[in-house]
Each structure stands twice: as structure tokens, then as C-alpha cells.
Amino acid sequence: MNDDTPLAACFAALSADLLNAPGDLTCQRVVDRAVEVVPGADRAGITLRGKRGRPTTVAATDEIVELLDKEQYALREGPCLDAAGEEPYRVASDLHADQRWPRWAPYAVDLDVRSVLSLRLHTGSRTLGALNLYAAGPGAFDRQAFDVAAVFTIHATEALRTSALISDLRAALESRHVIGTAQGLLAARYDLSYEAAFAVLRRFSNETNTPLREVAERVMETRDLPSAPTSRDVAGARGAGDEEDGGPAASR
């Protein structure tokens, strides 16, 4: 961060920079920029809570961060786990003397890390994970560093949230395209309306407990359902299509 530039202007530019990064690149840009912006930070990483709350390091400035995080997950103790849980932040001025993480702290010191600052990535409705900052020397994160890191975390959280929304929207659009293509294939093969073809897909999805998109992808690959629908299935689908369409099912 340039000392001659007003702090508000720096964070405005930072926010735009983070929001312009697509997908997974957003996470990497967050950690790279964190080291540039937060005074005292030597390296950084992002821990996100996955399925069933399982933590995962999705971005790191270097391999040391990966090792530090991995050991926390294995031991089930450490500042990033606390912050990725319900703690707003965790700061350690000197891990050599810190007793909160008796197994992990000595491991970090052996990797030449003495100071840690972990801050929760929180959207207001849920916790995404934590931003973790590491430094070689003791006392690296003073009040100024903490304040800058706290503001940075707000911008980082918004960038990650926006990136996730865009990814979800893109996935939804892709699913819609795949399902629509599968409908067209079944409609042509069995002389069904689009509504009836969708009924066939949905019935197969329900009966086999397979996500609808996966069923559609199989249809695209094989040009048919994994087990071809019987005449009864087709007749039933045509009837369902008629009911949904409010009249006779139009052929494709």
C-alpha cells in the first residue's frame, strides 16, 4: 500500500481489483493482495468451510501456508480453525510463548512463524471461513495492522461472496442448457413434447436418486436414457405433458 495514497482510495481500488477477478482467481488474488496491504504480513492463506464444516485451504501465497493450515486441520486446533468457526478473529504475538494451541504452535515456530492473525470471513448470515496472515517475527501485527486487516477482510468477503454468486449463476445457466439439450434429444427420439421429455427426465431422476443435470448429461452422451423408457413411461410422460401444457402435447 502506498503511504501517500489516502486509505479510503486504496481500499476502493483494492475492492475493484478483487471484484474483477473471476472464480478461483478471486481467492488467490485476495491472499496475494493481503500480503501487500497488511503491514507485517509475510504470507497468507484462505480457509473455507466445505461440506459438513470441513476446512479447506483454497488459496495460499506459498507452500509454508499450506503446511501450517494442513497441520491445524490434522490436529483440530489453531487460529484459522477458531476464526473459521465462530470467533471474529485470533491474533498471536509470539507463538513461542502462546499456550492456546499447544501442539500446533511449536510446529509453526519450527517453520519460522511467530506471529499469526486470523480473521473470520463472514457475510452477515453465515461464516465462509477465515483469512490467515502469518509473519516470521514476533509482534508483527500491531493495532494498525489489525485495523487494516479488518477492513481488508470486509472487502475480501464481499469479493468472495460475489464470486460465489457468479459461479452459482453460471452453473445454473449451464445446467439449464444441458437439461434443455437432453429434452430436445428425447423429444426427437420418442416424438414427445418438450414438457413430456422433461417429465421423463424428472421421473428417471427421482426413481434413480440421480441429480437431474447428471441424467441430462448421460442423455447427451448416449442419445438416450441409461435405461431406455418403456412405452408405458412414454405414454405416461405424454399424459403429464398434456396436463402441464393445458392441452394436447405438441410434437417437436
C-alpha atoms as a PDB file:
ATOM      1  CA  MET A   1       0.000   0.000   0.000  1.00  0.00           C
ATOM      2  CA  ASN A   2       1.312   3.429  -0.964  1.00  0.00           C
ATOM      3  CA  ASP A   3       1.705   5.625   2.134  1.00  0.00           C
ATOM      4  CA  ASP A   4       0.969   8.749   0.046  1.00  0.00           C
ATOM      5  CA  THR A   5      -2.452   7.493  -1.073  1.00  0.00           C
ATOM      6  CA  PRO A   6      -5.471   8.023   1.220  1.00  0.00           C
ATOM      7  CA  LEU A   7      -6.556   4.785   2.871  1.00  0.00           C
ATOM      8  CA  ALA A   8     -10.122   5.032   1.528  1.00  0.00           C
ATOM      9  CA  ALA A   9      -8.821   5.410  -2.033  1.00  0.00           C
ATOM     10  CA  CYS A  10      -6.526   2.417  -1.581  1.00  0.00           C
ATOM     11  CA  PHE A  11      -9.386   0.205  -0.445  1.00  0.00           C
ATOM     12  CA  ALA A  12     -11.671   1.470  -3.206  1.00  0.00           C
ATOM     13  CA  ALA A  13      -9.059   0.423  -5.780  1.00  0.00           C
ATOM     14  CA  LEU A  14      -8.496  -2.830  -3.907  1.00  0.00           C
ATOM     15  CA  SER A  15     -12.201  -3.669  -3.911  1.00  0.00           C
ATOM     16  CA  ALA A  16     -12.442  -3.106  -7.659  1.00  0.00           C
ATOM     17  CA  ASP A  17      -9.346  -5.242  -8.192  1.00  0.00           C
ATOM     18  CA  LEU A  18     -10.731  -8.154  -6.175  1.00  0.00           C
ATOM     19  CA  LEU A  19     -14.179  -7.992  -7.747  1.00  0.00           C
ATOM     20  CA  ASN A  20     -12.668  -8.132 -11.234  1.00  0.00           C
ATOM     21  CA  ALA A  21     -11.008 -11.485 -10.562  1.00  0.00           C
ATOM     22  CA  PRO A  22     -13.082 -14.420 -11.881  1.00  0.00           C
ATOM     23  CA  GLY A  23     -13.811 -17.615  -9.982  1.00  0.00           C
ATOM     24  CA  ASP A  24     -10.936 -19.303  -8.167  1.00  0.00           C
ATOM     25  CA  LEU A  25      -8.642 -16.435  -9.177  1.00  0.00           C
ATOM     26  CA  THR A  26     -10.501 -14.268  -6.651  1.00  0.00           C
ATOM     27  CA  CYS A  27      -9.192 -16.362  -3.746  1.00  0.00           C
ATOM     28  CA  GLN A  28      -5.608 -16.241  -4.984  1.00  0.00           C
ATOM     29  CA  ARG A  29      -5.785 -12.522  -5.573  1.00  0.00           C
ATOM     30  CA  VAL A  30      -7.111 -11.996  -2.037  1.00  0.00           C
ATOM     31  CA  VAL A  31      -4.118 -13.698  -0.414  1.00  0.00           C
ATOM     32  CA  ASP A  32      -1.604 -12.051  -2.741  1.00  0.00           C
ATOM     33  CA  ARG A  33      -3.045  -8.627  -2.066  1.00  0.00           C
ATOM     34  CA  ALA A  34      -3.307  -9.291   1.689  1.00  0.00           C
ATOM     35  CA  VAL A  35       0.463  -9.582   1.942  1.00  0.00           C
ATOM     36  CA  GLU A  36       0.857  -6.330   0.024  1.00  0.00           C
ATOM     37  CA  VAL A  37      -1.753  -4.426   2.038  1.00  0.00           C
ATOM     38  CA  VAL A  38      -1.497  -5.602   5.659  1.00  0.00           C
ATOM     39  CA  PRO A  39       1.626  -4.310   7.448  1.00  0.00           C
ATOM     40  CA  GLY A  40       3.825  -7.095   8.803  1.00  0.00           C
ATOM     41  CA  ALA A  41       2.266  -9.957   6.842  1.00  0.00           C
ATOM     42  CA  ASP A  42       4.786 -12.279   5.197  1.00  0.00           C
ATOM     43  CA  ARG A  43       2.360 -14.873   3.853  1.00  0.00           C
ATOM     44  CA  ALA A  44      -1.378 -15.504   3.743  1.00  0.00           C
ATOM     45  CA  GLY A  45      -3.995 -18.145   3.075  1.00  0.00           C
ATOM     46  CA  ILE A  46      -7.747 -18.619   2.927  1.00  0.00           C
ATOM     47  CA  THR A  47      -9.550 -21.379   4.783  1.00  0.00           C
ATOM     48  CA  LEU A  48     -13.086 -22.070   3.607  1.00  0.00           C
ATOM     49  CA  ARG A  49     -15.627 -24.269   5.304  1.00  0.00           C
ATOM     50  CA  GLY A  50     -16.681 -27.037   2.970  1.00  0.00           C
ATOM     51  CA  LYS A  51     -19.351 -29.676   3.279  1.00  0.00           C
ATOM     52  CA  ARG A  52     -20.176 -30.560   6.873  1.00  0.00           C
ATOM     53  CA  GLY A  53     -17.936 -27.726   8.007  1.00  0.00           C
ATOM     54  CA  ARG A  54     -14.743 -29.446   6.841  1.00  0.00           C
ATOM     55  CA  PRO A  55     -11.988 -26.803   6.408  1.00  0.00           C
ATOM     56  CA  THR A  56     -10.039 -26.498   3.164  1.00  0.00           C
ATOM     57  CA  THR A  57      -7.231 -24.166   2.115  1.00  0.00           C
ATOM     58  CA  VAL A  58      -8.401 -22.762  -1.214  1.00  0.00           C
ATOM     59  CA  ALA A  59      -5.560 -20.271  -1.759  1.00  0.00           C
ATOM     60  CA  ALA A  60      -2.115 -19.681  -0.293  1.00  0.00           C
ATOM     61  CA  THR A  61       0.845 -17.464  -1.049  1.00  0.00           C
ATOM     62  CA  ASP A  62       3.300 -20.349  -0.651  1.00  0.00           C
ATOM     63  CA  GLU A  63       3.822 -23.940   0.455  1.00  0.00           C
ATOM     64  CA  ILE A  64       4.529 -22.964   4.081  1.00  0.00           C
ATOM     65  CA  VAL A  65       0.967 -21.701   4.414  1.00  0.00           C
ATOM     66  CA  GLU A  66      -0.337 -24.991   3.053  1.00  0.00           C
ATOM     67  CA  LEU A  67       1.691 -26.870   5.674  1.00  0.00           C
ATOM     68  CA  LEU A  68       0.605 -24.579   8.518  1.00  0.00           C
ATOM     69  CA  ASP A  69      -3.052 -24.964   7.624  1.00  0.00           C
ATOM     70  CA  LYS A  70      -2.873 -28.689   6.983  1.00  0.00           C
ATOM     71  CA  GLU A  71      -1.374 -29.267  10.424  1.00  0.00           C
ATOM     72  CA  GLN A  72      -4.169 -27.281  12.049  1.00  0.00           C
ATOM     73  CA  TYR A  73      -6.761 -29.413  10.287  1.00  0.00           C
ATOM     74  CA  ALA A  74      -4.999 -32.606  11.307  1.00  0.00           C
ATOM     75  CA  LEU A  75      -4.623 -31.546  14.955  1.00  0.00           C
ATOM     76  CA  ARG A  76      -8.023 -29.845  15.049  1.00  0.00           C
ATOM     77  CA  GLU A  77      -6.536 -26.811  16.734  1.00  0.00           C
ATOM     78  CA  GLY A  78      -5.181 -23.480  15.597  1.00  0.00           C
ATOM     79  CA  PRO A  79      -6.109 -19.843  14.948  1.00  0.00           C
ATOM     80  CA  CYS A  80      -7.561 -20.392  11.470  1.00  0.00           C
ATOM     81  CA  LEU A  81      -9.960 -23.040  12.798  1.00  0.00           C
ATOM     82  CA  ASP A  82     -11.071 -20.706  15.583  1.00  0.00           C
ATOM     83  CA  ALA A  83     -11.698 -17.832  13.159  1.00  0.00           C
ATOM     84  CA  ALA A  84     -13.368 -20.111  10.606  1.00  0.00           C
ATOM     85  CA  GLY A  85     -15.681 -21.178  13.412  1.00  0.00           C
ATOM     86  CA  GLU A  86     -17.411 -18.569  15.499  1.00  0.00           C
ATOM     87  CA  GLU A  87     -14.527 -16.386  16.685  1.00  0.00           C
ATOM     88  CA  PRO A  88     -14.305 -12.971  14.949  1.00  0.00           C
ATOM     89  CA  TYR A  89     -10.510 -13.147  14.979  1.00  0.00           C
ATOM     90  CA  ARG A  90      -7.464 -14.727  16.571  1.00  0.00           C
ATOM     91  CA  VAL A  91      -4.139 -12.949  16.990  1.00  0.00           C
ATOM     92  CA  ALA A  92      -0.891 -14.310  18.398  1.00  0.00           C
ATOM     93  CA  SER A  93       2.046 -12.000  19.037  1.00  0.00           C
ATOM     94  CA  ASP A  94       4.500 -14.801  19.768  1.00  0.00           C
ATOM     95  CA  LEU A  95       3.676 -18.430  19.162  1.00  0.00           C
ATOM     96  CA  HIS A  96       6.792 -19.443  21.039  1.00  0.00           C
ATOM     97  CA  ALA A  97       5.055 -18.420  24.277  1.00  0.00           C
ATOM     98  CA  ASP A  98       1.417 -18.932  23.279  1.00  0.00           C
ATOM     99  CA  GLN A  99      -0.401 -21.727  25.133  1.00  0.00           C
ATOM    100  CA  ARG A 100      -3.717 -21.713  23.259  1.00  0.00           C
ATOM    101  CA  TRP A 101      -2.592 -24.226  20.649  1.00  0.00           C
ATOM    102  CA  PRO A 102      -0.054 -26.395  22.484  1.00  0.00           C
ATOM    103  CA  ARG A 103       0.505 -28.868  19.645  1.00  0.00           C
ATOM    104  CA  TRP A 104       0.278 -26.589  16.636  1.00  0.00           C
ATOM    105  CA  ALA A 105       2.261 -23.573  17.930  1.00  0.00           C
ATOM    106  CA  PRO A 106       5.609 -25.450  18.200  1.00  0.00           C
ATOM    107  CA  TYR A 107       5.087 -26.753  14.660  1.00  0.00           C
ATOM    108  CA  ALA A 108       4.583 -23.200  13.386  1.00  0.00           C
ATOM    109  CA  VAL A 109       7.674 -21.955  15.223  1.00  0.00           C
ATOM    110  CA  ASP A 110       9.716 -24.732  13.606  1.00  0.00           C
ATOM    111  CA  LEU A 111       8.574 -23.320  10.244  1.00  0.00           C
ATOM    112  CA  ASP A 112       9.847 -19.883  11.257  1.00  0.00           C
ATOM    113  CA  VAL A 113       6.423 -18.423  12.035  1.00  0.00           C
ATOM    114  CA  ARG A 114       5.991 -16.468  15.275  1.00  0.00           C
ATOM    115  CA  SER A 115       3.023 -14.145  14.609  1.00  0.00           C
ATOM    116  CA  VAL A 116      -0.453 -15.024  13.349  1.00  0.00           C
ATOM    117  CA  LEU A 117      -3.589 -13.057  12.604  1.00  0.00           C
ATOM    118  CA  SER A 118      -6.719 -14.943  11.522  1.00  0.00           C
ATOM    119  CA  LEU A 119      -9.942 -13.111  10.749  1.00  0.00           C
ATOM    120  CA  ARG A 120     -13.361 -14.607  10.095  1.00  0.00           C
ATOM    121  CA  LEU A 121     -14.821 -14.225   6.601  1.00  0.00           C
ATOM    122  CA  HIS A 122     -18.443 -13.569   7.493  1.00  0.00           C
ATOM    123  CA  THR A 123     -21.262 -12.400   5.200  1.00  0.00           C
ATOM    124  CA  GLY A 124     -23.646 -11.444   7.990  1.00  0.00           C
ATOM    125  CA  SER A 125     -25.763 -14.544   7.503  1.00  0.00           C
ATOM    126  CA  ARG A 126     -23.059 -17.205   7.505  1.00  0.00           C
ATOM    127  CA  THR A 127     -19.367 -17.806   8.018  1.00  0.00           C
ATOM    128  CA  LEU A 128     -17.410 -18.612   4.863  1.00  0.00           C
ATOM    129  CA  GLY A 129     -14.088 -19.331   6.530  1.00  0.00           C
ATOM    130  CA  ALA A 130     -11.049 -17.316   7.559  1.00  0.00           C
ATOM    131  CA  LEU A 131      -8.268 -15.168   6.163  1.00  0.00           C
ATOM    132  CA  ASN A 132      -4.980 -16.206   7.789  1.00  0.00           C
ATOM    133  CA  LEU A 133      -1.912 -13.979   7.942  1.00  0.00           C
ATOM    134  CA  TYR A 134       1.485 -15.254   9.077  1.00  0.00           C
ATOM    135  CA  ALA A 135       4.743 -13.491   9.912  1.00  0.00           C
ATOM    136  CA  ALA A 136       8.239 -14.669  10.811  1.00  0.00           C
ATOM    137  CA  GLY A 137       8.932 -12.178  13.587  1.00  0.00           C
ATOM    138  CA  PRO A 138       7.140 -11.771  16.920  1.00  0.00           C
ATOM    139  CA  GLY A 139       4.792  -8.830  17.424  1.00  0.00           C
ATOM    140  CA  ALA A 140       4.241  -8.385  13.676  1.00  0.00           C
ATOM    141  CA  PHE A 141       0.579  -7.418  13.880  1.00  0.00           C
ATOM    142  CA  ASP A 142       0.070  -4.241  15.891  1.00  0.00           C
ATOM    143  CA  ARG A 143      -3.126  -2.221  16.185  1.00  0.00           C
ATOM    144  CA  GLN A 144      -2.637  -0.526  12.826  1.00  0.00           C
ATOM    145  CA  ALA A 145      -2.042  -3.845  11.093  1.00  0.00           C
ATOM    146  CA  PHE A 146      -5.139  -5.296  12.733  1.00  0.00           C
ATOM    147  CA  ASP A 147      -7.314  -2.367  11.650  1.00  0.00           C
ATOM    148  CA  VAL A 148      -6.075  -2.581   8.056  1.00  0.00           C
ATOM    149  CA  ALA A 149      -6.573  -6.359   8.038  1.00  0.00           C
ATOM    150  CA  ALA A 150     -10.108  -5.997   9.404  1.00  0.00           C
ATOM    151  CA  VAL A 151     -11.110  -3.576   6.641  1.00  0.00           C
ATOM    152  CA  PHE A 152      -9.358  -5.711   4.040  1.00  0.00           C
ATOM    153  CA  THR A 153     -11.314  -8.745   5.247  1.00  0.00           C
ATOM    154  CA  ILE A 154     -14.617  -6.947   4.646  1.00  0.00           C
ATOM    155  CA  HIS A 155     -13.646  -6.267   1.030  1.00  0.00           C
ATOM    156  CA  ALA A 156     -12.295  -9.795   0.613  1.00  0.00           C
ATOM    157  CA  THR A 157     -15.528 -11.312   1.938  1.00  0.00           C
ATOM    158  CA  GLU A 158     -17.614  -9.283  -0.485  1.00  0.00           C
ATOM    159  CA  ALA A 159     -15.370 -10.313  -3.381  1.00  0.00           C
ATOM    160  CA  LEU A 160     -15.641 -13.988  -2.416  1.00  0.00           C
ATOM    161  CA  ARG A 161     -19.411 -13.750  -1.958  1.00  0.00           C
ATOM    162  CA  THR A 162     -19.846 -12.076  -5.340  1.00  0.00           C
ATOM    163  CA  SER A 163     -17.580 -14.632  -6.996  1.00  0.00           C
ATOM    164  CA  ALA A 164     -19.640 -17.459  -5.484  1.00  0.00           C
ATOM    165  CA  LEU A 165     -22.890 -15.885  -6.699  1.00  0.00           C
ATOM    166  CA  ILE A 166     -21.485 -15.531 -10.211  1.00  0.00           C
ATOM    167  CA  SER A 167     -20.249 -19.132 -10.137  1.00  0.00           C
ATOM    168  CA  ASP A 168     -23.658 -20.350  -8.956  1.00  0.00           C
ATOM    169  CA  LEU A 169     -25.405 -18.364 -11.692  1.00  0.00           C
ATOM    170  CA  ARG A 170     -23.034 -19.716 -14.329  1.00  0.00           C
ATOM    171  CA  ALA A 171     -23.626 -23.265 -13.079  1.00  0.00           C
ATOM    172  CA  ALA A 172     -27.394 -22.719 -13.163  1.00  0.00           C
ATOM    173  CA  LEU A 173     -27.237 -21.454 -16.730  1.00  0.00           C
ATOM    174  CA  GLU A 174     -25.050 -24.372 -17.774  1.00  0.00           C
ATOM    175  CA  SER A 175     -27.460 -26.824 -16.134  1.00  0.00           C
ATOM    176  CA  ARG A 176     -30.389 -25.217 -17.918  1.00  0.00           C
ATOM    177  CA  HIS A 177     -28.596 -25.605 -21.243  1.00  0.00           C
ATOM    178  CA  VAL A 178     -27.706 -29.252 -20.584  1.00  0.00           C
ATOM    179  CA  ILE A 179     -31.245 -30.133 -19.497  1.00  0.00           C
ATOM    180  CA  GLY A 180     -32.737 -28.304 -22.467  1.00  0.00           C
ATOM    181  CA  THR A 181     -30.490 -30.185 -24.880  1.00  0.00           C
ATOM    182  CA  ALA A 182     -31.432 -33.519 -23.291  1.00  0.00           C
ATOM    183  CA  GLN A 183     -35.117 -32.613 -23.586  1.00  0.00           C
ATOM    184  CA  GLY A 184     -34.649 -31.974 -27.277  1.00  0.00           C
ATOM    185  CA  LEU A 185     -32.904 -35.309 -27.819  1.00  0.00           C
ATOM    186  CA  LEU A 186     -35.635 -37.286 -26.050  1.00  0.00           C
ATOM    187  CA  ALA A 187     -38.369 -35.286 -27.749  1.00  0.00           C
ATOM    188  CA  ALA A 188     -36.959 -36.153 -31.174  1.00  0.00           C
ATOM    189  CA  ARG A 189     -36.261 -39.805 -30.342  1.00  0.00           C
ATOM    190  CA  TYR A 190     -39.660 -40.604 -28.804  1.00  0.00           C
ATOM    191  CA  ASP A 191     -41.832 -37.989 -30.543  1.00  0.00           C
ATOM    192  CA  LEU A 192     -42.583 -36.145 -27.305  1.00  0.00           C
ATOM    193  CA  SER A 193     -43.314 -32.563 -26.484  1.00  0.00           C
ATOM    194  CA  TYR A 194     -40.621 -30.716 -24.540  1.00  0.00           C
ATOM    195  CA  GLU A 195     -42.826 -30.861 -21.432  1.00  0.00           C
ATOM    196  CA  ALA A 196     -43.234 -34.625 -21.776  1.00  0.00           C
ATOM    197  CA  ALA A 197     -39.469 -35.086 -22.365  1.00  0.00           C
ATOM    198  CA  PHE A 198     -38.800 -33.147 -19.175  1.00  0.00           C
ATOM    199  CA  ALA A 199     -41.266 -35.403 -17.326  1.00  0.00           C
ATOM    200  CA  VAL A 200     -39.256 -38.442 -18.476  1.00  0.00           C
ATOM    201  CA  LEU A 201     -36.019 -36.865 -17.253  1.00  0.00           C
ATOM    202  CA  ARG A 202     -37.544 -35.918 -13.918  1.00  0.00           C
ATOM    203  CA  ARG A 203     -39.094 -39.353 -13.393  1.00  0.00           C
ATOM    204  CA  PHE A 204     -35.773 -41.079 -14.093  1.00  0.00           C
ATOM    205  CA  SER A 205     -34.009 -38.640 -11.768  1.00  0.00           C
ATOM    206  CA  ASN A 206     -36.453 -39.368  -8.937  1.00  0.00           C
ATOM    207  CA  GLU A 207     -36.528 -43.135  -9.412  1.00  0.00           C
ATOM    208  CA  THR A 208     -32.739 -43.483  -9.552  1.00  0.00           C
ATOM    209  CA  ASN A 209     -31.999 -40.737  -7.000  1.00  0.00           C
ATOM    210  CA  THR A 210     -29.723 -39.063  -9.565  1.00  0.00           C
ATOM    211  CA  PRO A 211     -29.437 -35.264  -9.921  1.00  0.00           C
ATOM    212  CA  LEU A 212     -31.376 -34.020 -12.924  1.00  0.00           C
ATOM    213  CA  ARG A 213     -28.292 -32.482 -14.522  1.00  0.00           C
ATOM    214  CA  GLU A 214     -26.419 -35.796 -14.332  1.00  0.00           C
ATOM    215  CA  VAL A 215     -29.317 -37.573 -16.017  1.00  0.00           C
ATOM    216  CA  ALA A 216     -29.325 -34.910 -18.739  1.00  0.00           C
ATOM    217  CA  GLU A 217     -25.558 -35.295 -19.235  1.00  0.00           C
ATOM    218  CA  ARG A 218     -25.971 -39.060 -19.709  1.00  0.00           C
ATOM    219  CA  VAL A 219     -28.677 -38.448 -22.288  1.00  0.00           C
ATOM    220  CA  MET A 220     -26.339 -36.101 -24.160  1.00  0.00           C
ATOM    221  CA  GLU A 221     -23.569 -38.722 -24.130  1.00  0.00           C
ATOM    222  CA  THR A 222     -25.675 -41.749 -25.115  1.00  0.00           C
ATOM    223  CA  ARG A 223     -28.534 -40.064 -27.005  1.00  0.00           C
ATOM    224  CA  ASP A 224     -30.876 -41.973 -24.696  1.00  0.00           C
ATOM    225  CA  LEU A 225     -31.616 -42.565 -21.020  1.00  0.00           C
ATOM    226  CA  PRO A 226     -29.253 -45.067 -19.327  1.00  0.00           C
ATOM    227  CA  SER A 227     -32.207 -47.493 -19.306  1.00  0.00           C
ATOM    228  CA  ALA A 228     -34.482 -46.662 -22.217  1.00  0.00           C
ATOM    229  CA  PRO A 229     -38.012 -45.627 -21.201  1.00  0.00           C
ATOM    230  CA  THR A 230     -40.726 -48.186 -21.780  1.00  0.00           C
ATOM    231  CA  SER A 231     -43.792 -47.489 -23.871  1.00  0.00           C
ATOM    232  CA  ARG A 232     -45.689 -47.075 -20.612  1.00  0.00           C
ATOM    233  CA  ASP A 233     -43.174 -44.466 -19.456  1.00  0.00           C
ATOM    234  CA  VAL A 234     -43.505 -42.580 -22.715  1.00  0.00           C
ATOM    235  CA  ALA A 235     -47.291 -42.726 -22.613  1.00  0.00           C
ATOM    236  CA  GLY A 236     -47.264 -41.521 -19.016  1.00  0.00           C
ATOM    237  CA  ALA A 237     -44.880 -38.706 -19.922  1.00  0.00           C
ATOM    238  CA  ARG A 238     -47.112 -37.654 -22.808  1.00  0.00           C
ATOM    239  CA  GLY A 239     -50.027 -37.504 -20.420  1.00  0.00           C
ATOM    240  CA  ALA A 240     -48.065 -35.443 -17.926  1.00  0.00           C
ATOM    241  CA  GLY A 241     -47.016 -33.129 -20.731  1.00  0.00           C
ATOM    242  CA  ASP A 242     -50.630 -32.661 -21.768  1.00  0.00           C
ATOM    243  CA  GLU A 243     -51.654 -31.742 -18.230  1.00  0.00           C
ATOM    244  CA  GLU A 244     -48.805 -29.261 -17.765  1.00  0.00           C
ATOM    245  CA  ASP A 245     -49.379 -27.733 -21.202  1.00  0.00           C
ATOM    246  CA  GLY A 246     -53.129 -27.445 -20.775  1.00  0.00           C
ATOM    247  CA  GLY A 247     -53.869 -29.378 -23.992  1.00  0.00           C
ATOM    248  CA  PRO A 248     -52.580 -31.969 -26.435  1.00  0.00           C
ATOM    249  CA  ALA A 249     -48.783 -32.334 -26.343  1.00  0.00           C
ATOM    250  CA  ALA A 250     -47.345 -30.798 -29.480  1.00  0.00           C
ATOM    251  CA  SER A 251     -44.685 -32.812 -31.196  1.00  0.00           C
ATOM    252  CA  ARG A 252     -41.293 -31.211 -31.593  1.00  0.00           C
END
